[in-house]
Amino acid sequence: MKILLDACVSGGASGTLRAAGHDVVWAGDWDESLSDQDIIARAAADGRILITLDKDFGELAVVQRVPHAGIIRLVGCRALAQGAKIAEVLDGFSADLLQGAIVTAEPGRVRVRPPDTTE
């Protein structure tokens, strides 16, 4: 899968995900610091699932209806465990994410918000 890791996600997670066969871009490698609006737009334009710790992306996607290619938000996940948790979510919820779902993963719980298909 094509993934964009927000800069707040551990850069170490990219190695775990690449080893699992995913195409990963980490915003922490960029020379510039982009706004949340620019990050979600770049992820959508590239067809990448956005992975973040930041709840503001959910507001952009749900309230402001900013287009996206799927979002995973990690809650309460230690940096060293992020790569494995993301891989677990991708394995279990890839079909939902590819349809534009927002998946919130926290210890012991995963919530899936399907895409809003009403116009």
PDB file of N, CA and C in Angstrom:
ATOM      1  N   MET A   1       0.834  -1.175   0.000  1.00  0.00           N
ATOM      2  CA  MET A   1       0.000   0.000   0.000  1.00  0.00           C
ATOM      3  C   MET A   1       0.883   1.244   0.000  1.00  0.00           C
ATOM      4  N   LYS A   2       0.334   2.323  -0.484  1.00  0.00           N
ATOM      5  CA  LYS A   2       1.036   3.605  -0.474  1.00  0.00           C
ATOM      6  C   LYS A   2       0.659   4.359   0.793  1.00  0.00           C
ATOM      7  N   ILE A   3       1.684   4.793   1.523  1.00  0.00           N
ATOM      8  CA  ILE A   3       1.484   5.384   2.841  1.00  0.00           C
ATOM      9  C   ILE A   3       2.256   6.688   2.951  1.00  0.00           C
ATOM     10  N   LEU A   4       1.660   7.668   3.638  1.00  0.00           N
ATOM     11  CA  LEU A   4       2.364   8.881   4.024  1.00  0.00           C
ATOM     12  C   LEU A   4       2.324   8.953   5.550  1.00  0.00           C
ATOM     13  N   LEU A   5       3.486   8.878   6.186  1.00  0.00           N
ATOM     14  CA  LEU A   5       3.582   9.016   7.628  1.00  0.00           C
ATOM     15  C   LEU A   5       3.746  10.486   7.962  1.00  0.00           C
ATOM     16  N   ASP A   6       2.880  11.003   8.794  1.00  0.00           N
ATOM     17  CA  ASP A   6       3.004  12.370   9.290  1.00  0.00           C
ATOM     18  C   ASP A   6       4.321  12.467  10.069  1.00  0.00           C
ATOM     19  N   ALA A   7       4.873  13.662  10.163  1.00  0.00           N
ATOM     20  CA  ALA A   7       6.153  13.856  10.859  1.00  0.00           C
ATOM     21  C   ALA A   7       6.073  13.486  12.337  1.00  0.00           C
ATOM     22  N   CYS A   8       4.874  13.519  12.926  1.00  0.00           N
ATOM     23  CA  CYS A   8       4.729  13.176  14.346  1.00  0.00           C
ATOM     24  C   CYS A   8       4.812  11.673  14.599  1.00  0.00           C
ATOM     25  N   VAL A   9       4.727  10.867  13.548  1.00  0.00           N
ATOM     26  CA  VAL A   9       4.869   9.418  13.671  1.00  0.00           C
ATOM     27  C   VAL A   9       6.360   9.097  13.640  1.00  0.00           C
ATOM     28  N   SER A  10       6.765   8.139  14.436  1.00  0.00           N
ATOM     29  CA  SER A  10       8.173   7.748  14.506  1.00  0.00           C
ATOM     30  C   SER A  10       8.710   7.371  13.126  1.00  0.00           C
ATOM     31  N   GLY A  11       9.849   7.943  12.768  1.00  0.00           N
ATOM     32  CA  GLY A  11      10.488   7.591  11.499  1.00  0.00           C
ATOM     33  C   GLY A  11      10.875   6.128  11.446  1.00  0.00           C
ATOM     34  N   GLY A  12      11.088   5.519  12.610  1.00  0.00           N
ATOM     35  CA  GLY A  12      11.419   4.100  12.661  1.00  0.00           C
ATOM     36  C   GLY A  12      10.305   3.215  12.125  1.00  0.00           C
ATOM     37  N   ALA A  13       9.079   3.698  12.169  1.00  0.00           N
ATOM     38  CA  ALA A  13       7.958   2.918  11.653  1.00  0.00           C
ATOM     39  C   ALA A  13       8.092   2.686  10.153  1.00  0.00           C
ATOM     40  N   SER A  14       8.749   3.604   9.458  1.00  0.00           N
ATOM     41  CA  SER A  14       8.873   3.463   7.999  1.00  0.00           C
ATOM     42  C   SER A  14       9.648   2.199   7.629  1.00  0.00           C
ATOM     43  N   GLY A  15      10.678   1.862   8.385  1.00  0.00           N
ATOM     44  CA  GLY A  15      11.451   0.654   8.096  1.00  0.00           C
ATOM     45  C   GLY A  15      10.617  -0.609   8.246  1.00  0.00           C
ATOM     46  N   THR A  16       9.825  -0.669   9.299  1.00  0.00           N
ATOM     47  CA  THR A  16       8.946  -1.822   9.533  1.00  0.00           C
ATOM     48  C   THR A  16       7.954  -1.974   8.386  1.00  0.00           C
ATOM     49  N   LEU A  17       7.390  -0.846   7.969  1.00  0.00           N
ATOM     50  CA  LEU A  17       6.378  -0.886   6.911  1.00  0.00           C
ATOM     51  C   LEU A  17       6.987  -1.204   5.552  1.00  0.00           C
ATOM     52  N   ARG A  18       8.154  -0.674   5.279  1.00  0.00           N
ATOM     53  CA  ARG A  18       8.836  -1.002   4.013  1.00  0.00           C
ATOM     54  C   ARG A  18       9.189  -2.489   3.966  1.00  0.00           C
ATOM     55  N   ALA A  19       9.630  -3.029   5.090  1.00  0.00           N
ATOM     56  CA  ALA A  19       9.967  -4.457   5.150  1.00  0.00           C
ATOM     57  C   ALA A  19       8.741  -5.327   4.884  1.00  0.00           C
ATOM     58  N   ALA A  20       7.556  -4.794   5.188  1.00  0.00           N
ATOM     59  CA  ALA A  20       6.303  -5.512   4.929  1.00  0.00           C
ATOM     60  C   ALA A  20       5.808  -5.289   3.496  1.00  0.00           C
ATOM     61  N   GLY A  21       6.578  -4.535   2.697  1.00  0.00           N
ATOM     62  CA  GLY A  21       6.247  -4.350   1.287  1.00  0.00           C
ATOM     63  C   GLY A  21       5.473  -3.092   0.943  1.00  0.00           C
ATOM     64  N   HIS A  22       5.335  -2.183   1.889  1.00  0.00           N
ATOM     65  CA  HIS A  22       4.577  -0.955   1.633  1.00  0.00           C
ATOM     66  C   HIS A  22       5.481   0.143   1.059  1.00  0.00           C
ATOM     67  N   ASP A  23       4.880   1.020   0.271  1.00  0.00           N
ATOM     68  CA  ASP A  23       5.546   2.188  -0.308  1.00  0.00           C
ATOM     69  C   ASP A  23       5.330   3.340   0.676  1.00  0.00           C
ATOM     70  N   VAL A  24       6.400   3.737   1.373  1.00  0.00           N
ATOM     71  CA  VAL A  24       6.269   4.671   2.485  1.00  0.00           C
ATOM     72  C   VAL A  24       7.018   5.975   2.232  1.00  0.00           C
ATOM     73  N   VAL A  25       6.338   7.082   2.511  1.00  0.00           N
ATOM     74  CA  VAL A  25       6.950   8.409   2.529  1.00  0.00           C
ATOM     75  C   VAL A  25       6.753   8.939   3.948  1.00  0.00           C
ATOM     76  N   TRP A  26       7.827   9.464   4.552  1.00  0.00           N
ATOM     77  CA  TRP A  26       7.741  10.036   5.892  1.00  0.00           C
ATOM     78  C   TRP A  26       7.932  11.544   5.799  1.00  0.00           C
ATOM     79  N   ALA A  27       6.960  12.305   6.274  1.00  0.00           N
ATOM     80  CA  ALA A  27       7.013  13.769   6.211  1.00  0.00           C
ATOM     81  C   ALA A  27       8.209  14.332   6.970  1.00  0.00           C
ATOM     82  N   GLY A  28       8.738  13.591   7.910  1.00  0.00           N
ATOM     83  CA  GLY A  28       9.925  14.022   8.651  1.00  0.00           C
ATOM     84  C   GLY A  28      11.166  14.122   7.787  1.00  0.00           C
ATOM     85  N   ASP A  29      11.146  13.506   6.610  1.00  0.00           N
ATOM     86  CA  ASP A  29      12.284  13.581   5.674  1.00  0.00           C
ATOM     87  C   ASP A  29      12.226  14.816   4.789  1.00  0.00           C
ATOM     88  N   TRP A  30      11.099  15.515   4.776  1.00  0.00           N
ATOM     89  CA  TRP A  30      10.943  16.659   3.883  1.00  0.00           C
ATOM     90  C   TRP A  30      11.762  17.841   4.383  1.00  0.00           C
ATOM     91  N   ASP A  31      12.266  18.627   3.462  1.00  0.00           N
ATOM     92  CA  ASP A  31      13.022  19.824   3.815  1.00  0.00           C
ATOM     93  C   ASP A  31      12.132  20.909   4.407  1.00  0.00           C
ATOM     94  N   GLU A  32      10.867  20.920   3.997  1.00  0.00           N
ATOM     95  CA  GLU A  32       9.945  21.945   4.479  1.00  0.00           C
ATOM     96  C   GLU A  32       8.946  21.345   5.453  1.00  0.00           C
ATOM     97  N   SER A  33       8.372  22.194   6.274  1.00  0.00           N
ATOM     98  CA  SER A  33       7.308  21.790   7.197  1.00  0.00           C
ATOM     99  C   SER A  33       5.994  22.266   6.594  1.00  0.00           C
ATOM    100  N   LEU A  34       5.107  21.324   6.308  1.00  0.00           N
ATOM    101  CA  LEU A  34       3.840  21.667   5.665  1.00  0.00           C
ATOM    102  C   LEU A  34       2.710  21.745   6.684  1.00  0.00           C
ATOM    103  N   SER A  35       1.676  22.496   6.352  1.00  0.00           N
ATOM    104  CA  SER A  35       0.484  22.568   7.189  1.00  0.00           C
ATOM    105  C   SER A  35      -0.281  21.248   7.078  1.00  0.00           C
ATOM    106  N   ASP A  36      -1.187  21.012   8.032  1.00  0.00           N
ATOM    107  CA  ASP A  36      -2.016  19.815   7.975  1.00  0.00           C
ATOM    108  C   ASP A  36      -2.807  19.768   6.668  1.00  0.00           C
ATOM    109  N   GLN A  37      -3.312  20.920   6.235  1.00  0.00           N
ATOM    110  CA  GLN A  37      -4.080  20.999   4.982  1.00  0.00           C
ATOM    111  C   GLN A  37      -3.215  20.545   3.793  1.00  0.00           C
ATOM    112  N   ASP A  38      -1.960  20.990   3.757  1.00  0.00           N
ATOM    113  CA  ASP A  38      -1.067  20.611   2.668  1.00  0.00           C
ATOM    114  C   ASP A  38      -0.684  19.133   2.740  1.00  0.00           C
ATOM    115  N   ILE A  39      -0.514  18.615   3.947  1.00  0.00           N
ATOM    116  CA  ILE A  39      -0.152  17.198   4.109  1.00  0.00           C
ATOM    117  C   ILE A  39      -1.288  16.298   3.638  1.00  0.00           C
ATOM    118  N   ILE A  40      -2.510  16.583   4.065  1.00  0.00           N
ATOM    119  CA  ILE A  40      -3.634  15.736   3.654  1.00  0.00           C
ATOM    120  C   ILE A  40      -3.861  15.842   2.141  1.00  0.00           C
ATOM    121  N   ALA A  41      -3.644  17.024   1.582  1.00  0.00           N
ATOM    122  CA  ALA A  41      -3.793  17.210   0.133  1.00  0.00           C
ATOM    123  C   ALA A  41      -2.732  16.422  -0.629  1.00  0.00           C
ATOM    124  N   ARG A  42      -1.506  16.443  -0.139  1.00  0.00           N
ATOM    125  CA  ARG A  42      -0.423  15.697  -0.796  1.00  0.00           C
ATOM    126  C   ARG A  42      -0.691  14.199  -0.729  1.00  0.00           C
ATOM    127  N   ALA A  43      -1.133  13.715   0.434  1.00  0.00           N
ATOM    128  CA  ALA A  43      -1.452  12.294   0.580  1.00  0.00           C
ATOM    129  C   ALA A  43      -2.562  11.902  -0.400  1.00  0.00           C
ATOM    130  N   ALA A  44      -3.604  12.719  -0.480  1.00  0.00           N
ATOM    131  CA  ALA A  44      -4.722  12.419  -1.379  1.00  0.00           C
ATOM    132  C   ALA A  44      -4.281  12.436  -2.839  1.00  0.00           C
ATOM    133  N   ALA A  45      -3.490  13.437  -3.215  1.00  0.00           N
ATOM    134  CA  ALA A  45      -3.025  13.545  -4.604  1.00  0.00           C
ATOM    135  C   ALA A  45      -2.177  12.342  -5.016  1.00  0.00           C
ATOM    136  N   ASP A  46      -1.413  11.814  -4.056  1.00  0.00           N
ATOM    137  CA  ASP A  46      -0.541  10.665  -4.337  1.00  0.00           C
ATOM    138  C   ASP A  46      -1.230   9.329  -4.080  1.00  0.00           C
ATOM    139  N   GLY A  47      -2.491   9.352  -3.621  1.00  0.00           N
ATOM    140  CA  GLY A  47      -3.205   8.114  -3.321  1.00  0.00           C
ATOM    141  C   GLY A  47      -2.608   7.371  -2.132  1.00  0.00           C
ATOM    142  N   ARG A  48      -2.113   8.125  -1.147  1.00  0.00           N
ATOM    143  CA  ARG A  48      -1.467   7.530   0.023  1.00  0.00           C
ATOM    144  C   ARG A  48      -2.378   7.601   1.246  1.00  0.00           C
ATOM    145  N   ILE A  49      -2.392   6.528   2.012  1.00  0.00           N
ATOM    146  CA  ILE A  49      -3.081   6.517   3.300  1.00  0.00           C
ATOM    147  C   ILE A  49      -2.243   7.360   4.249  1.00  0.00           C
ATOM    148  N   LEU A  50      -2.870   8.297   4.910  1.00  0.00           N
ATOM    149  CA  LEU A  50      -2.186   9.180   5.846  1.00  0.00           C
ATOM    150  C   LEU A  50      -2.207   8.561   7.234  1.00  0.00           C
ATOM    151  N   ILE A  51      -1.048   8.476   7.860  1.00  0.00           N
ATOM    152  CA  ILE A  51      -0.946   7.926   9.213  1.00  0.00           C
ATOM    153  C   ILE A  51      -0.408   9.017  10.122  1.00  0.00           C
ATOM    154  N   THR A  52      -1.118   9.248  11.234  1.00  0.00           N
ATOM    155  CA  THR A  52      -0.809  10.373  12.098  1.00  0.00           C
ATOM    156  C   THR A  52      -1.150  10.064  13.551  1.00  0.00           C
ATOM    157  N   LEU A  53      -0.700  10.926  14.432  1.00  0.00           N
ATOM    158  CA  LEU A  53      -1.113  10.917  15.833  1.00  0.00           C
ATOM    159  C   LEU A  53      -2.079  12.069  16.089  1.00  0.00           C
ATOM    160  N   ASP A  54      -2.237  12.925  15.116  1.00  0.00           N
ATOM    161  CA  ASP A  54      -2.922  14.214  15.223  1.00  0.00           C
ATOM    162  C   ASP A  54      -4.416  14.085  14.895  1.00  0.00           C
ATOM    163  N   LYS A  55      -5.275  14.471  15.827  1.00  0.00           N
ATOM    164  CA  LYS A  55      -6.720  14.379  15.598  1.00  0.00           C
ATOM    165  C   LYS A  55      -7.237  15.451  14.650  1.00  0.00           C
ATOM    166  N   ASP A  56      -6.443  16.463  14.353  1.00  0.00           N
ATOM    167  CA  ASP A  56      -6.893  17.534  13.463  1.00  0.00           C
ATOM    168  C   ASP A  56      -7.209  17.033  12.055  1.00  0.00           C
ATOM    169  N   PHE A  57      -6.566  15.957  11.610  1.00  0.00           N
ATOM    170  CA  PHE A  57      -6.851  15.434  10.277  1.00  0.00           C
ATOM    171  C   PHE A  57      -8.267  14.876  10.187  1.00  0.00           C
ATOM    172  N   GLY A  58      -8.765  14.318  11.271  1.00  0.00           N
ATOM    173  CA  GLY A  58     -10.149  13.845  11.294  1.00  0.00           C
ATOM    174  C   GLY A  58     -11.124  14.992  11.114  1.00  0.00           C
ATOM    175  N   GLU A  59     -10.831  16.107  11.749  1.00  0.00           N
ATOM    176  CA  GLU A  59     -11.691  17.281  11.588  1.00  0.00           C
ATOM    177  C   GLU A  59     -11.651  17.781  10.151  1.00  0.00           C
ATOM    178  N   LEU A  60     -10.461  17.824   9.562  1.00  0.00           N
ATOM    179  CA  LEU A  60     -10.363  18.244   8.164  1.00  0.00           C
ATOM    180  C   LEU A  60     -11.192  17.331   7.269  1.00  0.00           C
ATOM    181  N   ALA A  61     -11.083  16.018   7.500  1.00  0.00           N
ATOM    182  CA  ALA A  61     -11.767  15.051   6.644  1.00  0.00           C
ATOM    183  C   ALA A  61     -13.270  15.009   6.881  1.00  0.00           C
ATOM    184  N   VAL A  62     -13.691  15.069   8.143  1.00  0.00           N
ATOM    185  CA  VAL A  62     -15.109  14.892   8.463  1.00  0.00           C
ATOM    186  C   VAL A  62     -15.873  16.211   8.433  1.00  0.00           C
ATOM    187  N   VAL A  63     -15.391  17.200   9.153  1.00  0.00           N
ATOM    188  CA  VAL A  63     -16.118  18.466   9.276  1.00  0.00           C
ATOM    189  C   VAL A  63     -15.955  19.318   8.019  1.00  0.00           C
ATOM    190  N   GLN A  64     -14.708  19.458   7.566  1.00  0.00           N
ATOM    191  CA  GLN A  64     -14.456  20.317   6.408  1.00  0.00           C
ATOM    192  C   GLN A  64     -14.543  19.557   5.083  1.00  0.00           C
ATOM    193  N   ARG A  65     -14.708  18.235   5.168  1.00  0.00           N
ATOM    194  CA  ARG A  65     -14.873  17.374   3.983  1.00  0.00           C
ATOM    195  C   ARG A  65     -13.697  17.474   3.003  1.00  0.00           C
ATOM    196  N   VAL A  66     -12.495  17.617   3.539  1.00  0.00           N
ATOM    197  CA  VAL A  66     -11.293  17.657   2.709  1.00  0.00           C
ATOM    198  C   VAL A  66     -11.054  16.238   2.168  1.00  0.00           C
ATOM    199  N   PRO A  67     -10.866  16.098   0.864  1.00  0.00           N
ATOM    200  CA  PRO A  67     -10.638  14.768   0.290  1.00  0.00           C
ATOM    201  C   PRO A  67      -9.372  14.122   0.858  1.00  0.00           C
ATOM    202  N   HIS A  68      -9.438  12.799   1.008  1.00  0.00           N
ATOM    203  CA  HIS A  68      -8.282  12.044   1.492  1.00  0.00           C
ATOM    204  C   HIS A  68      -8.357  10.627   0.934  1.00  0.00           C
ATOM    205  N   ALA A  69      -7.266   9.890   1.093  1.00  0.00           N
ATOM    206  CA  ALA A  69      -7.192   8.520   0.574  1.00  0.00           C
ATOM    207  C   ALA A  69      -7.176   7.503   1.711  1.00  0.00           C
ATOM    208  N   GLY A  70      -7.803   7.852   2.838  1.00  0.00           N
ATOM    209  CA  GLY A  70      -7.806   6.988   4.017  1.00  0.00           C
ATOM    210  C   GLY A  70      -6.866   7.552   5.065  1.00  0.00           C
ATOM    211  N   ILE A  71      -7.252   7.426   6.323  1.00  0.00           N
ATOM    212  CA  ILE A  71      -6.459   7.968   7.428  1.00  0.00           C
ATOM    213  C   ILE A  71      -6.412   6.942   8.552  1.00  0.00           C
ATOM    214  N   ILE A  72      -5.227   6.754   9.119  1.00  0.00           N
ATOM    215  CA  ILE A  72      -5.067   5.983  10.349  1.00  0.00           C
ATOM    216  C   ILE A  72      -4.560   6.953  11.397  1.00  0.00           C
ATOM    217  N   ARG A  73      -5.257   6.992  12.529  1.00  0.00           N
ATOM    218  CA  ARG A  73      -4.804   7.801  13.665  1.00  0.00           C
ATOM    219  C   ARG A  73      -4.441   6.867  14.800  1.00  0.00           C
ATOM    220  N   LEU A  74      -3.205   6.973  15.259  1.00  0.00           N
ATOM    221  CA  LEU A  74      -2.734   6.178  16.387  1.00  0.00           C
ATOM    222  C   LEU A  74      -2.947   6.965  17.676  1.00  0.00           C
ATOM    223  N   VAL A  75      -3.463   6.299  18.691  1.00  0.00           N
ATOM    224  CA  VAL A  75      -3.693   6.918  19.994  1.00  0.00           C
ATOM    225  C   VAL A  75      -3.013   6.056  21.055  1.00  0.00           C
ATOM    226  N   GLY A  76      -2.166   6.682  21.873  1.00  0.00           N
ATOM    227  CA  GLY A  76      -1.541   5.965  22.980  1.00  0.00           C
ATOM    228  C   GLY A  76      -0.598   4.863  22.556  1.00  0.00           C
ATOM    229  N   CYS A  77       0.043   5.026  21.429  1.00  0.00           N
ATOM    230  CA  CYS A  77       0.950   4.004  20.899  1.00  0.00           C
ATOM    231  C   CYS A  77       2.388   4.500  21.023  1.00  0.00           C
ATOM    232  N   ARG A  78       3.197   3.803  21.790  1.00  0.00           N
ATOM    233  CA  ARG A  78       4.602   4.192  21.968  1.00  0.00           C
ATOM    234  C   ARG A  78       5.344   4.172  20.629  1.00  0.00           C
ATOM    235  N   ALA A  79       6.324   5.024  20.501  1.00  0.00           N
ATOM    236  CA  ALA A  79       7.074   5.162  19.248  1.00  0.00           C
ATOM    237  C   ALA A  79       7.624   3.823  18.753  1.00  0.00           C
ATOM    238  N   LEU A  80       8.181   3.024  19.645  1.00  0.00           N
ATOM    239  CA  LEU A  80       8.779   1.747  19.227  1.00  0.00           C
ATOM    240  C   LEU A  80       7.746   0.737  18.734  1.00  0.00           C
ATOM    241  N   ALA A  81       6.497   0.917  19.108  1.00  0.00           N
ATOM    242  CA  ALA A  81       5.438  -0.019  18.716  1.00  0.00           C
ATOM    243  C   ALA A  81       4.640   0.463  17.511  1.00  0.00           C
ATOM    244  N   GLN A  82       4.901   1.664  17.033  1.00  0.00           N
ATOM    245  CA  GLN A  82       4.064   2.243  15.979  1.00  0.00           C
ATOM    246  C   GLN A  82       4.109   1.459  14.672  1.00  0.00           C
ATOM    247  N   GLY A  83       5.277   1.048  14.230  1.00  0.00           N
ATOM    248  CA  GLY A  83       5.375   0.313  12.968  1.00  0.00           C
ATOM    249  C   GLY A  83       4.547  -0.963  12.985  1.00  0.00           C
ATOM    250  N   ALA A  84       4.666  -1.737  14.058  1.00  0.00           N
ATOM    251  CA  ALA A  84       3.904  -2.990  14.165  1.00  0.00           C
ATOM    252  C   ALA A  84       2.404  -2.722  14.241  1.00  0.00           C
ATOM    253  N   LYS A  85       2.010  -1.687  14.974  1.00  0.00           N
ATOM    254  CA  LYS A  85       0.581  -1.358  15.100  1.00  0.00           C
ATOM    255  C   LYS A  85       0.008  -0.930  13.750  1.00  0.00           C
ATOM    256  N   ILE A  86       0.763  -0.115  13.025  1.00  0.00           N
ATOM    257  CA  ILE A  86       0.300   0.326  11.699  1.00  0.00           C
ATOM    258  C   ILE A  86       0.157  -0.869  10.768  1.00  0.00           C
ATOM    259  N   ALA A  87       1.150  -1.766  10.767  1.00  0.00           N
ATOM    260  CA  ALA A  87       1.091  -2.961   9.914  1.00  0.00           C
ATOM    261  C   ALA A  87      -0.131  -3.809  10.261  1.00  0.00           C
ATOM    262  N   GLU A  88      -0.428  -3.929  11.553  1.00  0.00           N
ATOM    263  CA  GLU A  88      -1.593  -4.687  12.006  1.00  0.00           C
ATOM    264  C   GLU A  88      -2.890  -4.054  11.484  1.00  0.00           C
ATOM    265  N   VAL A  89      -2.980  -2.743  11.567  1.00  0.00           N
ATOM    266  CA  VAL A  89      -4.178  -2.040  11.084  1.00  0.00           C
ATOM    267  C   VAL A  89      -4.300  -2.180   9.568  1.00  0.00           C
ATOM    268  N   LEU A  90      -3.195  -2.047   8.863  1.00  0.00           N
ATOM    269  CA  LEU A  90      -3.231  -2.190   7.407  1.00  0.00           C
ATOM    270  C   LEU A  90      -3.677  -3.595   7.010  1.00  0.00           C
ATOM    271  N   ASP A  91      -3.181  -4.608   7.726  1.00  0.00           N
ATOM    272  CA  ASP A  91      -3.572  -5.990   7.422  1.00  0.00           C
ATOM    273  C   ASP A  91      -5.065  -6.220   7.659  1.00  0.00           C
ATOM    274  N   GLY A  92      -5.590  -5.649   8.730  1.00  0.00           N
ATOM    275  CA  GLY A  92      -6.980  -5.909   9.085  1.00  0.00           C
ATOM    276  C   GLY A  92      -8.015  -5.009   8.445  1.00  0.00           C
ATOM    277  N   PHE A  93      -7.589  -3.816   8.013  1.00  0.00           N
ATOM    278  CA  PHE A  93      -8.569  -2.825   7.570  1.00  0.00           C
ATOM    279  C   PHE A  93      -8.220  -2.183   6.223  1.00  0.00           C
ATOM    280  N   SER A  94      -7.417  -2.846   5.427  1.00  0.00           N
ATOM    281  CA  SER A  94      -6.990  -2.254   4.150  1.00  0.00           C
ATOM    282  C   SER A  94      -8.172  -1.963   3.226  1.00  0.00           C
ATOM    283  N   ALA A  95      -9.152  -2.847   3.176  1.00  0.00           N
ATOM    284  CA  ALA A  95     -10.303  -2.610   2.296  1.00  0.00           C
ATOM    285  C   ALA A  95     -11.062  -1.349   2.726  1.00  0.00           C
ATOM    286  N   ASP A  96     -11.235  -1.169   4.032  1.00  0.00           N
ATOM    287  CA  ASP A  96     -11.914   0.032   4.536  1.00  0.00           C
ATOM    288  C   ASP A  96     -11.113   1.282   4.189  1.00  0.00           C
ATOM    289  N   LEU A  97      -9.802   1.221   4.411  1.00  0.00           N
ATOM    290  CA  LEU A  97      -8.940   2.373   4.156  1.00  0.00           C
ATOM    291  C   LEU A  97      -8.932   2.747   2.678  1.00  0.00           C
ATOM    292  N   LEU A  98      -8.878   1.756   1.813  1.00  0.00           N
ATOM    293  CA  LEU A  98      -8.863   2.028   0.377  1.00  0.00           C
ATOM    294  C   LEU A  98     -10.167   2.671  -0.101  1.00  0.00           C
ATOM    295  N   GLN A  99     -11.225   2.509   0.669  1.00  0.00           N
ATOM    296  CA  GLN A  99     -12.497   3.156   0.345  1.00  0.00           C
ATOM    297  C   GLN A  99     -12.606   4.535   0.975  1.00  0.00           C
ATOM    298  N   GLY A 100     -11.583   4.946   1.759  1.00  0.00           N
ATOM    299  CA  GLY A 100     -11.581   6.277   2.352  1.00  0.00           C
ATOM    300  C   GLY A 100     -12.008   6.336   3.807  1.00  0.00           C
ATOM    301  N   ALA A 101     -11.914   5.224   4.521  1.00  0.00           N
ATOM    302  CA  ALA A 101     -12.295   5.204   5.937  1.00  0.00           C
ATOM    303  C   ALA A 101     -11.241   5.928   6.780  1.00  0.00           C
ATOM    304  N   ILE A 102     -11.662   6.306   7.971  1.00  0.00           N
ATOM    305  CA  ILE A 102     -10.757   6.822   8.992  1.00  0.00           C
ATOM    306  C   ILE A 102     -10.719   5.771  10.095  1.00  0.00           C
ATOM    307  N   VAL A 103      -9.524   5.254  10.368  1.00  0.00           N
ATOM    308  CA  VAL A 103      -9.361   4.203  11.365  1.00  0.00           C
ATOM    309  C   VAL A 103      -8.580   4.779  12.538  1.00  0.00           C
ATOM    310  N   THR A 104      -9.153   4.655  13.726  1.00  0.00           N
ATOM    311  CA  THR A 104      -8.487   5.086  14.944  1.00  0.00           C
ATOM    312  C   THR A 104      -8.069   3.838  15.705  1.00  0.00           C
ATOM    313  N   ALA A 105      -6.759   3.707  15.945  1.00  0.00           N
ATOM    314  CA  ALA A 105      -6.228   2.525  16.617  1.00  0.00           C
ATOM    315  C   ALA A 105      -5.622   2.933  17.948  1.00  0.00           C
ATOM    316  N   GLU A 106      -6.105   2.309  19.004  1.00  0.00           N
ATOM    317  CA  GLU A 106      -5.570   2.543  20.333  1.00  0.00           C
ATOM    318  C   GLU A 106      -5.425   1.188  21.013  1.00  0.00           C
ATOM    319  N   PRO A 107      -4.701   1.125  22.111  1.00  0.00           N
ATOM    320  CA  PRO A 107      -4.514  -0.172  22.768  1.00  0.00           C
ATOM    321  C   PRO A 107      -5.851  -0.855  23.074  1.00  0.00           C
ATOM    322  N   GLY A 108      -6.005  -2.058  22.546  1.00  0.00           N
ATOM    323  CA  GLY A 108      -7.201  -2.844  22.822  1.00  0.00           C
ATOM    324  C   GLY A 108      -8.440  -2.469  22.036  1.00  0.00           C
ATOM    325  N   ARG A 109      -8.329  -1.525  21.125  1.00  0.00           N
ATOM    326  CA  ARG A 109      -9.527  -1.073  20.411  1.00  0.00           C
ATOM    327  C   ARG A 109      -9.177  -0.444  19.067  1.00  0.00           C
ATOM    328  N   VAL A 110      -9.985  -0.753  18.063  1.00  0.00           N
ATOM    329  CA  VAL A 110      -9.871  -0.122  16.746  1.00  0.00           C
ATOM    330  C   VAL A 110     -11.270   0.323  16.341  1.00  0.00           C
ATOM    331  N   ARG A 111     -11.381   1.590  15.951  1.00  0.00           N
ATOM    332  CA  ARG A 111     -12.663   2.126  15.473  1.00  0.00           C
ATOM    333  C   ARG A 111     -12.528   2.502  14.010  1.00  0.00           C
ATOM    334  N   VAL A 112     -13.540   2.171  13.243  1.00  0.00           N
ATOM    335  CA  VAL A 112     -13.549   2.480  11.808  1.00  0.00           C
ATOM    336  C   VAL A 112     -14.710   3.414  11.519  1.00  0.00           C
ATOM    337  N   ARG A 113     -14.399   4.553  10.942  1.00  0.00           N
ATOM    338  CA  ARG A 113     -15.424   5.489  10.472  1.00  0.00           C
ATOM    339  C   ARG A 113     -15.447   5.369   8.946  1.00  0.00           C
ATOM    340  N   PRO A 114     -16.510   4.768   8.401  1.00  0.00           N
ATOM    341  CA  PRO A 114     -16.568   4.625   6.949  1.00  0.00           C
ATOM    342  C   PRO A 114     -16.652   5.995   6.270  1.00  0.00           C
ATOM    343  N   PRO A 115     -16.290   6.047   5.010  1.00  0.00           N
ATOM    344  CA  PRO A 115     -16.385   7.322   4.298  1.00  0.00           C
ATOM    345  C   PRO A 115     -17.827   7.786   4.196  1.00  0.00           C
ATOM    346  N   ASP A 116     -18.011   9.086   4.240  1.00  0.00           N
ATOM    347  CA  ASP A 116     -19.332   9.680   4.070  1.00  0.00           C
ATOM    348  C   ASP A 116     -19.615   9.739   2.576  1.00  0.00           C
ATOM    349  N   THR A 117     -20.590   8.978   2.139  1.00  0.00           N
ATOM    350  CA  THR A 117     -20.893   8.922   0.711  1.00  0.00           C
ATOM    351  C   THR A 117     -22.078   9.797   0.328  1.00  0.00           C
ATOM    352  N   THR A 118     -22.615  10.552   1.295  1.00  0.00           N
ATOM    353  CA  THR A 118     -23.721  11.455   0.962  1.00  0.00           C
ATOM    354  C   THR A 118     -23.172  12.724   0.343  1.00  0.00           C
ATOM    355  N   GLU A 119     -23.885  13.246  -0.576  1.00  0.00           N
ATOM    356  CA  GLU A 119     -23.446  14.480  -1.257  1.00  0.00           C
ATOM    357  C   GLU A 119     -24.237  15.629  -0.764  1.00  0.00           C
TER     358      GLU A 119
END
